[in-house]
N, C-alpha and C. Protein backbone atom coordinates (compact mmCIF):
# COMPACT_ATOMS: atom_id res chain seq x y z
N UNK A 1 9.79 -27.17 -12.79
CA UNK A 1 10.18 -28.41 -12.16
C UNK A 1 8.92 -29.22 -11.84
N UNK A 2 8.91 -30.47 -12.29
CA UNK A 2 7.78 -31.35 -12.07
C UNK A 2 8.26 -32.67 -11.49
N UNK A 3 7.56 -33.17 -10.50
CA UNK A 3 7.87 -34.50 -9.99
C UNK A 3 6.58 -35.28 -9.82
N UNK A 4 6.61 -36.56 -10.20
CA UNK A 4 5.41 -37.40 -10.10
C UNK A 4 5.11 -37.72 -8.63
N UNK A 5 3.83 -37.76 -8.31
CA UNK A 5 3.35 -38.14 -6.98
C UNK A 5 2.20 -39.12 -7.17
N UNK A 6 1.73 -39.71 -6.10
CA UNK A 6 0.61 -40.65 -6.18
C UNK A 6 -0.66 -40.03 -5.63
N UNK A 7 -1.80 -40.57 -6.01
CA UNK A 7 -3.07 -40.10 -5.48
C UNK A 7 -3.10 -40.20 -3.95
N UNK A 8 -2.63 -41.32 -3.35
CA UNK A 8 -2.62 -41.36 -1.87
C UNK A 8 -1.77 -40.27 -1.24
N UNK A 9 -0.69 -39.85 -1.90
CA UNK A 9 0.13 -38.75 -1.36
C UNK A 9 -0.66 -37.44 -1.38
N UNK A 10 -1.43 -37.22 -2.44
CA UNK A 10 -2.23 -36.00 -2.52
C UNK A 10 -3.32 -36.02 -1.46
N UNK A 11 -3.98 -37.17 -1.27
CA UNK A 11 -5.01 -37.31 -0.24
C UNK A 11 -4.41 -37.04 1.14
N UNK A 12 -3.24 -37.61 1.41
CA UNK A 12 -2.57 -37.39 2.70
C UNK A 12 -2.25 -35.92 2.90
N UNK A 13 -1.77 -35.27 1.86
CA UNK A 13 -1.48 -33.83 1.93
C UNK A 13 -2.74 -33.05 2.31
N UNK A 14 -3.85 -33.34 1.63
CA UNK A 14 -5.10 -32.62 1.89
C UNK A 14 -5.55 -32.82 3.33
N UNK A 15 -5.51 -34.05 3.79
CA UNK A 15 -5.95 -34.32 5.16
C UNK A 15 -5.04 -33.65 6.19
N UNK A 16 -3.74 -33.67 5.97
CA UNK A 16 -2.81 -33.02 6.90
C UNK A 16 -2.98 -31.51 6.89
N UNK A 17 -3.07 -30.92 5.71
CA UNK A 17 -3.19 -29.48 5.59
C UNK A 17 -4.48 -28.99 6.19
N UNK A 18 -5.55 -29.70 5.96
CA UNK A 18 -6.84 -29.20 6.37
C UNK A 18 -7.14 -29.34 7.84
N UNK A 19 -6.20 -29.85 8.62
CA UNK A 19 -6.36 -29.85 10.07
C UNK A 19 -6.30 -28.42 10.59
N UNK A 20 -5.80 -27.50 9.75
CA UNK A 20 -5.69 -26.10 10.15
C UNK A 20 -6.94 -25.30 9.87
N UNK A 21 -7.98 -25.94 9.29
CA UNK A 21 -9.24 -25.24 9.08
C UNK A 21 -9.48 -24.72 7.69
N UNK A 22 -8.87 -25.29 6.68
CA UNK A 22 -9.07 -24.89 5.28
C UNK A 22 -10.30 -25.56 4.69
N UNK A 23 -11.45 -25.36 5.20
CA UNK A 23 -12.64 -25.96 4.63
C UNK A 23 -12.83 -27.41 5.05
N UNK A 24 -13.56 -28.15 4.25
CA UNK A 24 -13.90 -29.54 4.56
C UNK A 24 -12.93 -30.48 3.86
N UNK A 25 -11.99 -31.09 4.59
CA UNK A 25 -11.01 -31.96 3.95
C UNK A 25 -11.64 -33.18 3.28
N UNK A 26 -12.70 -33.72 3.85
CA UNK A 26 -13.30 -34.92 3.26
C UNK A 26 -13.99 -34.61 1.94
N UNK A 27 -14.51 -33.39 1.79
CA UNK A 27 -15.07 -32.98 0.51
C UNK A 27 -13.96 -32.93 -0.55
N UNK A 28 -12.81 -32.41 -0.16
CA UNK A 28 -11.68 -32.34 -1.09
C UNK A 28 -11.16 -33.73 -1.42
N UNK A 29 -11.13 -34.60 -0.43
CA UNK A 29 -10.69 -35.98 -0.66
C UNK A 29 -11.63 -36.65 -1.66
N UNK A 30 -12.94 -36.43 -1.52
CA UNK A 30 -13.90 -37.01 -2.47
C UNK A 30 -13.62 -36.50 -3.88
N UNK A 31 -13.26 -35.23 -4.02
CA UNK A 31 -12.91 -34.68 -5.33
C UNK A 31 -11.70 -35.40 -5.92
N UNK A 32 -10.72 -35.69 -5.09
CA UNK A 32 -9.51 -36.36 -5.55
C UNK A 32 -9.78 -37.83 -5.86
N UNK A 33 -10.58 -38.48 -5.03
CA UNK A 33 -10.88 -39.90 -5.20
C UNK A 33 -11.65 -40.19 -6.48
N UNK A 34 -12.31 -39.18 -7.07
CA UNK A 34 -13.07 -39.39 -8.30
C UNK A 34 -12.17 -39.75 -9.48
N UNK A 35 -10.89 -39.49 -9.38
CA UNK A 35 -9.98 -39.77 -10.48
C UNK A 35 -9.62 -41.24 -10.54
N UNK A 36 -9.59 -41.78 -11.74
CA UNK A 36 -9.27 -43.19 -11.94
C UNK A 36 -7.85 -43.48 -11.46
N UNK A 37 -7.61 -44.76 -11.16
CA UNK A 37 -6.28 -45.15 -10.70
C UNK A 37 -5.20 -44.86 -11.72
N UNK A 38 -5.53 -44.83 -13.01
CA UNK A 38 -4.55 -44.54 -14.05
C UNK A 38 -4.21 -43.07 -14.21
N UNK A 39 -4.87 -42.21 -13.45
CA UNK A 39 -4.60 -40.77 -13.53
C UNK A 39 -3.18 -40.49 -13.05
N UNK A 40 -2.48 -39.66 -13.79
CA UNK A 40 -1.13 -39.28 -13.38
C UNK A 40 -1.21 -38.02 -12.54
N UNK A 41 -0.47 -38.03 -11.44
CA UNK A 41 -0.40 -36.88 -10.54
C UNK A 41 1.03 -36.36 -10.52
N UNK A 42 1.17 -35.05 -10.49
CA UNK A 42 2.49 -34.44 -10.42
C UNK A 42 2.43 -33.22 -9.52
N UNK A 43 3.55 -32.89 -8.93
CA UNK A 43 3.71 -31.66 -8.16
C UNK A 43 4.59 -30.75 -9.00
N UNK A 44 4.09 -29.56 -9.30
CA UNK A 44 4.79 -28.67 -10.22
C UNK A 44 4.80 -27.24 -9.70
N UNK A 45 5.92 -26.55 -9.91
CA UNK A 45 6.01 -25.13 -9.61
C UNK A 45 5.53 -24.37 -10.85
N UNK A 46 4.49 -23.54 -10.68
CA UNK A 46 3.92 -22.81 -11.81
C UNK A 46 4.57 -21.45 -11.97
N UNK A 47 4.94 -21.13 -13.19
CA UNK A 47 5.41 -19.79 -13.50
C UNK A 47 4.23 -18.83 -13.52
N UNK A 48 4.51 -17.56 -13.54
CA UNK A 48 3.47 -16.54 -13.45
C UNK A 48 2.42 -16.68 -14.56
N UNK A 49 2.85 -16.82 -15.80
CA UNK A 49 1.89 -16.90 -16.90
C UNK A 49 1.02 -18.14 -16.81
N UNK A 50 1.62 -19.28 -16.44
CA UNK A 50 0.83 -20.51 -16.28
C UNK A 50 -0.18 -20.36 -15.14
N UNK A 51 0.23 -19.72 -14.07
CA UNK A 51 -0.67 -19.49 -12.93
C UNK A 51 -1.85 -18.63 -13.35
N UNK A 52 -1.58 -17.53 -14.04
CA UNK A 52 -2.64 -16.60 -14.40
C UNK A 52 -3.56 -17.14 -15.50
N UNK A 53 -3.15 -18.21 -16.19
CA UNK A 53 -3.99 -18.84 -17.23
C UNK A 53 -4.88 -19.94 -16.68
N UNK A 54 -4.81 -20.22 -15.39
CA UNK A 54 -5.64 -21.27 -14.81
C UNK A 54 -7.12 -20.93 -14.95
N UNK A 55 -7.97 -21.95 -15.03
CA UNK A 55 -9.41 -21.75 -15.14
C UNK A 55 -10.00 -21.69 -13.72
N UNK A 56 -10.65 -20.58 -13.44
CA UNK A 56 -11.25 -20.32 -12.14
C UNK A 56 -12.63 -20.96 -12.08
N UNK A 57 -13.10 -21.27 -10.86
CA UNK A 57 -14.40 -21.91 -10.70
C UNK A 57 -15.54 -21.02 -11.16
N UNK A 58 -16.64 -21.67 -11.50
CA UNK A 58 -17.88 -20.95 -11.79
C UNK A 58 -18.76 -21.16 -10.58
N UNK A 59 -19.13 -20.07 -9.94
CA UNK A 59 -19.86 -20.18 -8.68
C UNK A 59 -21.01 -19.20 -8.70
N UNK A 60 -22.18 -19.68 -8.34
CA UNK A 60 -23.32 -18.77 -8.26
C UNK A 60 -24.27 -19.27 -7.18
N UNK A 61 -25.21 -18.45 -6.85
CA UNK A 61 -26.19 -18.83 -5.85
C UNK A 61 -25.96 -18.13 -4.53
N UNK A 62 -26.82 -18.44 -3.58
CA UNK A 62 -26.75 -17.80 -2.27
C UNK A 62 -25.42 -18.10 -1.59
N UNK A 63 -24.77 -17.07 -1.09
CA UNK A 63 -23.52 -17.23 -0.37
C UNK A 63 -22.29 -17.24 -1.26
N UNK A 64 -22.48 -17.21 -2.58
CA UNK A 64 -21.33 -17.22 -3.48
C UNK A 64 -20.65 -15.85 -3.45
N UNK A 65 -19.35 -15.87 -3.27
CA UNK A 65 -18.63 -14.60 -3.21
C UNK A 65 -18.05 -14.21 -4.56
N UNK A 66 -18.25 -15.04 -5.59
CA UNK A 66 -17.70 -14.71 -6.91
C UNK A 66 -18.79 -14.51 -7.95
N UNK A 67 -20.05 -14.51 -7.57
CA UNK A 67 -21.13 -14.36 -8.54
C UNK A 67 -20.91 -13.12 -9.39
N UNK A 68 -20.95 -13.29 -10.69
CA UNK A 68 -20.83 -12.14 -11.59
C UNK A 68 -19.46 -11.97 -12.20
N UNK A 69 -18.38 -12.21 -11.46
CA UNK A 69 -17.07 -11.95 -12.04
C UNK A 69 -16.62 -13.07 -12.97
N UNK A 70 -17.34 -14.19 -12.99
CA UNK A 70 -16.96 -15.29 -13.88
C UNK A 70 -17.93 -15.40 -15.05
N UNK A 71 -18.70 -14.37 -15.31
CA UNK A 71 -19.71 -14.44 -16.36
C UNK A 71 -19.11 -14.50 -17.76
N UNK A 72 -18.02 -13.80 -18.01
CA UNK A 72 -17.46 -13.76 -19.37
C UNK A 72 -16.28 -14.71 -19.50
N UNK A 73 -15.19 -14.41 -18.84
CA UNK A 73 -14.02 -15.27 -18.92
C UNK A 73 -13.71 -15.82 -17.55
N UNK A 74 -13.10 -16.96 -17.53
CA UNK A 74 -12.80 -17.57 -16.25
C UNK A 74 -11.32 -17.82 -16.07
N UNK A 75 -10.46 -17.15 -16.84
CA UNK A 75 -9.04 -17.29 -16.52
C UNK A 75 -8.79 -16.53 -15.22
N UNK A 76 -7.86 -17.04 -14.44
CA UNK A 76 -7.55 -16.41 -13.17
C UNK A 76 -7.15 -14.95 -13.37
N UNK A 77 -6.40 -14.67 -14.42
CA UNK A 77 -6.00 -13.28 -14.72
C UNK A 77 -7.22 -12.39 -14.88
N UNK A 78 -8.16 -12.79 -15.70
CA UNK A 78 -9.32 -11.94 -15.99
C UNK A 78 -10.27 -11.83 -14.80
N UNK A 79 -10.40 -12.89 -14.04
CA UNK A 79 -11.24 -12.82 -12.83
C UNK A 79 -10.59 -11.87 -11.82
N UNK A 80 -9.26 -11.93 -11.68
CA UNK A 80 -8.56 -11.03 -10.76
C UNK A 80 -8.72 -9.57 -11.18
N UNK A 81 -8.59 -9.30 -12.47
CA UNK A 81 -8.76 -7.93 -12.97
C UNK A 81 -10.18 -7.45 -12.71
N UNK A 82 -11.17 -8.31 -12.98
CA UNK A 82 -12.58 -7.91 -12.73
C UNK A 82 -12.80 -7.63 -11.25
N UNK A 83 -12.22 -8.47 -10.39
CA UNK A 83 -12.39 -8.26 -8.95
C UNK A 83 -11.70 -6.97 -8.50
N UNK A 84 -10.51 -6.70 -9.02
CA UNK A 84 -9.80 -5.47 -8.67
C UNK A 84 -10.55 -4.22 -9.12
N UNK A 85 -11.20 -4.33 -10.27
CA UNK A 85 -11.93 -3.18 -10.84
C UNK A 85 -13.39 -3.13 -10.39
N UNK A 86 -13.78 -4.08 -9.53
CA UNK A 86 -15.17 -4.16 -9.09
C UNK A 86 -16.14 -4.22 -10.25
N UNK A 87 -15.72 -4.88 -11.35
CA UNK A 87 -16.61 -4.99 -12.51
C UNK A 87 -17.49 -6.23 -12.41
N UNK A 88 -17.29 -7.03 -11.40
CA UNK A 88 -18.16 -8.18 -11.20
C UNK A 88 -19.33 -7.76 -10.35
N UNK A 89 -20.54 -7.78 -10.91
CA UNK A 89 -21.69 -7.25 -10.17
C UNK A 89 -21.98 -7.96 -8.86
N UNK A 90 -21.54 -9.21 -8.71
CA UNK A 90 -21.85 -9.92 -7.48
C UNK A 90 -20.65 -10.25 -6.63
N UNK A 91 -19.48 -9.71 -6.96
CA UNK A 91 -18.27 -10.05 -6.21
C UNK A 91 -18.38 -9.50 -4.80
N UNK A 92 -18.17 -10.35 -3.82
CA UNK A 92 -18.29 -9.95 -2.43
C UNK A 92 -16.90 -9.93 -1.79
N UNK A 93 -16.26 -8.78 -1.86
CA UNK A 93 -14.91 -8.60 -1.33
C UNK A 93 -14.87 -8.77 0.19
N UNK A 94 -16.01 -8.64 0.84
CA UNK A 94 -16.05 -8.76 2.30
C UNK A 94 -16.40 -10.16 2.78
N UNK A 95 -16.60 -11.08 1.86
CA UNK A 95 -16.93 -12.46 2.26
C UNK A 95 -15.79 -13.01 3.12
N UNK A 96 -16.14 -13.62 4.23
CA UNK A 96 -15.14 -14.08 5.21
C UNK A 96 -14.08 -14.99 4.59
N UNK A 97 -14.51 -15.92 3.77
CA UNK A 97 -13.55 -16.86 3.17
C UNK A 97 -12.52 -16.15 2.30
N UNK A 98 -12.97 -15.17 1.52
CA UNK A 98 -12.06 -14.42 0.68
C UNK A 98 -11.13 -13.54 1.52
N UNK A 99 -11.67 -12.89 2.55
CA UNK A 99 -10.87 -11.97 3.38
C UNK A 99 -9.71 -12.70 4.06
N UNK A 100 -9.93 -13.95 4.47
CA UNK A 100 -8.87 -14.71 5.12
C UNK A 100 -7.64 -14.75 4.23
N UNK A 101 -7.86 -14.96 2.95
CA UNK A 101 -6.74 -15.06 2.01
C UNK A 101 -6.22 -13.68 1.61
N UNK A 102 -7.12 -12.77 1.28
CA UNK A 102 -6.69 -11.48 0.75
C UNK A 102 -5.95 -10.65 1.79
N UNK A 103 -6.34 -10.76 3.05
CA UNK A 103 -5.73 -9.96 4.10
C UNK A 103 -4.46 -10.57 4.69
N UNK A 104 -4.05 -11.73 4.20
CA UNK A 104 -2.84 -12.39 4.69
C UNK A 104 -1.63 -11.67 4.11
N UNK A 105 -0.90 -10.87 4.91
CA UNK A 105 0.16 -10.02 4.37
C UNK A 105 1.35 -10.77 3.80
N UNK A 106 1.61 -11.99 4.23
CA UNK A 106 2.76 -12.72 3.73
C UNK A 106 2.41 -13.75 2.66
N UNK A 107 1.13 -13.95 2.43
CA UNK A 107 0.64 -14.84 1.39
C UNK A 107 1.12 -16.28 1.54
N UNK A 108 1.47 -16.71 2.76
CA UNK A 108 1.92 -18.10 2.93
C UNK A 108 0.86 -19.07 2.46
N UNK A 109 -0.40 -18.80 2.79
CA UNK A 109 -1.48 -19.69 2.39
C UNK A 109 -1.58 -19.73 0.87
N UNK A 110 -1.39 -18.60 0.23
CA UNK A 110 -1.55 -18.52 -1.21
C UNK A 110 -0.40 -19.17 -1.97
N UNK A 111 0.82 -19.01 -1.52
CA UNK A 111 1.98 -19.47 -2.28
C UNK A 111 2.53 -20.80 -1.82
N UNK A 112 2.58 -21.03 -0.53
CA UNK A 112 3.34 -22.16 -0.01
C UNK A 112 2.49 -23.40 0.24
N UNK A 113 1.22 -23.32 0.00
CA UNK A 113 0.30 -24.43 0.20
C UNK A 113 -0.18 -24.84 -1.19
N UNK A 114 0.28 -25.97 -1.75
CA UNK A 114 -0.06 -26.30 -3.13
C UNK A 114 -1.57 -26.31 -3.40
N UNK A 115 -1.91 -25.78 -4.57
CA UNK A 115 -3.28 -25.86 -5.04
C UNK A 115 -3.43 -27.19 -5.78
N UNK A 116 -4.65 -27.58 -6.06
CA UNK A 116 -4.89 -28.84 -6.77
C UNK A 116 -5.59 -28.52 -8.09
N UNK A 117 -5.00 -29.01 -9.17
CA UNK A 117 -5.51 -28.76 -10.52
C UNK A 117 -5.90 -30.06 -11.19
N UNK A 118 -6.83 -29.95 -12.11
CA UNK A 118 -7.14 -31.07 -13.01
C UNK A 118 -7.23 -30.50 -14.42
N UNK A 119 -7.16 -31.37 -15.40
CA UNK A 119 -7.34 -30.91 -16.77
C UNK A 119 -8.72 -30.28 -16.90
N UNK A 120 -8.81 -29.23 -17.71
CA UNK A 120 -10.11 -28.61 -17.96
C UNK A 120 -10.98 -29.59 -18.74
N UNK A 121 -12.27 -29.60 -18.43
CA UNK A 121 -13.24 -30.49 -19.08
C UNK A 121 -14.33 -29.67 -19.73
N UNK A 122 -14.90 -30.21 -20.78
CA UNK A 122 -16.08 -29.61 -21.42
C UNK A 122 -15.90 -28.13 -21.72
N UNK A 123 -16.88 -27.33 -21.27
CA UNK A 123 -16.90 -25.89 -21.54
C UNK A 123 -15.69 -25.17 -20.96
N UNK A 124 -15.08 -25.72 -19.92
CA UNK A 124 -13.91 -25.08 -19.30
C UNK A 124 -12.75 -24.93 -20.28
N UNK A 125 -12.67 -25.82 -21.27
CA UNK A 125 -11.54 -25.78 -22.21
C UNK A 125 -11.53 -24.50 -23.05
N UNK A 126 -12.64 -23.78 -23.09
CA UNK A 126 -12.66 -22.49 -23.79
C UNK A 126 -11.74 -21.48 -23.12
N UNK A 127 -11.49 -21.69 -21.82
CA UNK A 127 -10.75 -20.70 -21.05
C UNK A 127 -9.30 -21.10 -20.80
N UNK A 128 -9.00 -22.38 -20.79
CA UNK A 128 -7.62 -22.80 -20.52
C UNK A 128 -7.51 -24.31 -20.41
N UNK A 129 -6.31 -24.76 -20.08
CA UNK A 129 -6.02 -26.19 -20.01
C UNK A 129 -6.19 -26.79 -18.62
N UNK A 130 -6.00 -25.97 -17.57
CA UNK A 130 -6.00 -26.48 -16.20
C UNK A 130 -7.03 -25.76 -15.36
N UNK A 131 -7.89 -26.54 -14.68
CA UNK A 131 -8.96 -26.04 -13.83
C UNK A 131 -8.52 -26.14 -12.37
N UNK A 132 -8.79 -25.10 -11.59
CA UNK A 132 -8.45 -25.10 -10.16
C UNK A 132 -9.51 -25.90 -9.42
N UNK A 133 -9.16 -27.10 -9.00
CA UNK A 133 -10.07 -27.97 -8.27
C UNK A 133 -10.13 -27.56 -6.80
N UNK A 134 -9.01 -27.17 -6.24
CA UNK A 134 -8.95 -26.73 -4.85
C UNK A 134 -7.94 -25.60 -4.75
N UNK A 135 -8.35 -24.48 -4.18
CA UNK A 135 -7.45 -23.34 -4.01
C UNK A 135 -7.89 -22.10 -4.75
N UNK A 136 -9.16 -22.03 -5.17
CA UNK A 136 -9.63 -20.87 -5.92
C UNK A 136 -9.54 -19.57 -5.12
N UNK A 137 -9.97 -19.59 -3.86
CA UNK A 137 -9.96 -18.36 -3.05
C UNK A 137 -8.57 -17.80 -2.86
N UNK A 138 -7.64 -18.66 -2.45
CA UNK A 138 -6.27 -18.16 -2.21
C UNK A 138 -5.57 -17.81 -3.52
N UNK A 139 -5.89 -18.53 -4.59
CA UNK A 139 -5.31 -18.19 -5.90
C UNK A 139 -5.79 -16.83 -6.37
N UNK A 140 -7.09 -16.58 -6.21
CA UNK A 140 -7.63 -15.28 -6.62
C UNK A 140 -7.01 -14.15 -5.81
N UNK A 141 -6.92 -14.31 -4.51
CA UNK A 141 -6.33 -13.27 -3.66
C UNK A 141 -4.89 -12.99 -4.07
N UNK A 142 -4.12 -14.05 -4.27
CA UNK A 142 -2.71 -13.89 -4.65
C UNK A 142 -2.61 -13.24 -6.03
N UNK A 143 -3.44 -13.69 -6.99
CA UNK A 143 -3.43 -13.11 -8.33
C UNK A 143 -3.77 -11.62 -8.29
N UNK A 144 -4.72 -11.24 -7.44
CA UNK A 144 -5.08 -9.83 -7.33
C UNK A 144 -3.89 -9.00 -6.84
N UNK A 145 -3.18 -9.51 -5.84
CA UNK A 145 -2.02 -8.78 -5.34
C UNK A 145 -0.90 -8.71 -6.38
N UNK A 146 -0.70 -9.79 -7.12
CA UNK A 146 0.31 -9.79 -8.18
C UNK A 146 -0.08 -8.81 -9.28
N UNK A 147 -1.35 -8.84 -9.68
CA UNK A 147 -1.82 -7.98 -10.77
C UNK A 147 -1.78 -6.49 -10.40
N UNK A 148 -2.04 -6.16 -9.13
CA UNK A 148 -2.02 -4.74 -8.77
C UNK A 148 -0.65 -4.29 -8.27
N UNK A 149 0.33 -5.21 -8.28
CA UNK A 149 1.71 -4.83 -7.96
C UNK A 149 2.04 -4.75 -6.48
N UNK A 150 1.17 -5.22 -5.60
CA UNK A 150 1.48 -5.14 -4.16
C UNK A 150 2.42 -6.26 -3.73
N UNK A 151 2.64 -7.25 -4.59
CA UNK A 151 3.62 -8.29 -4.31
C UNK A 151 4.19 -8.81 -5.62
N UNK A 152 5.45 -9.20 -5.58
CA UNK A 152 6.08 -9.79 -6.76
C UNK A 152 5.69 -11.27 -6.82
N UNK A 153 5.54 -11.79 -8.01
CA UNK A 153 5.16 -13.18 -8.16
C UNK A 153 6.28 -14.11 -7.73
N UNK A 154 5.92 -15.10 -6.96
CA UNK A 154 6.82 -16.20 -6.62
C UNK A 154 6.05 -17.48 -6.96
N UNK A 155 6.72 -18.45 -7.52
CA UNK A 155 6.07 -19.66 -8.01
C UNK A 155 5.06 -20.23 -7.03
N UNK A 156 3.95 -20.68 -7.59
CA UNK A 156 2.90 -21.37 -6.85
C UNK A 156 3.06 -22.85 -7.13
N UNK A 157 3.00 -23.67 -6.09
CA UNK A 157 3.08 -25.12 -6.24
C UNK A 157 1.69 -25.66 -6.49
N UNK A 158 1.60 -26.64 -7.38
CA UNK A 158 0.30 -27.24 -7.71
C UNK A 158 0.43 -28.75 -7.89
N UNK A 159 -0.54 -29.47 -7.34
CA UNK A 159 -0.72 -30.88 -7.67
C UNK A 159 -1.59 -30.89 -8.91
N UNK A 160 -1.14 -31.63 -9.95
CA UNK A 160 -1.87 -31.67 -11.22
C UNK A 160 -2.31 -33.09 -11.54
N UNK A 161 -3.60 -33.26 -11.82
CA UNK A 161 -4.15 -34.56 -12.22
C UNK A 161 -4.32 -34.56 -13.74
N UNK A 162 -3.73 -35.56 -14.39
CA UNK A 162 -3.76 -35.62 -15.83
C UNK A 162 -3.99 -37.04 -16.32
N UNK A 163 -4.73 -37.18 -17.39
CA UNK A 163 -4.89 -38.49 -18.01
C UNK A 163 -3.73 -38.82 -18.92
N UNK A 164 -2.94 -37.80 -19.26
CA UNK A 164 -1.80 -37.98 -20.14
C UNK A 164 -0.51 -37.95 -19.36
N UNK A 165 0.58 -38.51 -19.92
CA UNK A 165 1.87 -38.43 -19.21
C UNK A 165 2.24 -36.96 -18.96
N UNK A 166 2.79 -36.70 -17.79
CA UNK A 166 3.21 -35.34 -17.43
C UNK A 166 4.51 -35.00 -18.14
N UNK A 167 4.63 -33.72 -18.50
CA UNK A 167 5.90 -33.24 -19.08
C UNK A 167 6.90 -33.03 -17.96
N UNK A 168 8.17 -33.34 -18.23
CA UNK A 168 9.19 -33.12 -17.20
C UNK A 168 9.91 -31.83 -17.43
């Protein structure tokens, strides 16, 4: 199920949601504002396979909790498997930001709070069609629980930014 939304609606969502302490809302707003006025936005419920095919962020440097697990593939599925198997040499399972999401027993943050996606650009297209612009931590935590069987998959809602018309 897909329904069209506007960029101001997505900005309002981010500002309202982030009053609860989900990082820096103005940084996220700047990410959204970078899209041209002609960009199409939609709110869509993602099926399990579409969710697990999302392109995860590439993060490195001091304080990065995902260093190493995104070295080969960046699909959410493969990053989750690497994190579960501790095959990422720099993955920091104890990082505070990750623990907030992973230790949430009901996964409300992971499932019921829409993530924000954009079309994959440049090198990202090697891994998939949609890049996670906002929601990488909670998506990874939820994917890990789905992959190891501790929770059944329930659709994840996503705001999607596209230069092309959205499919209905």
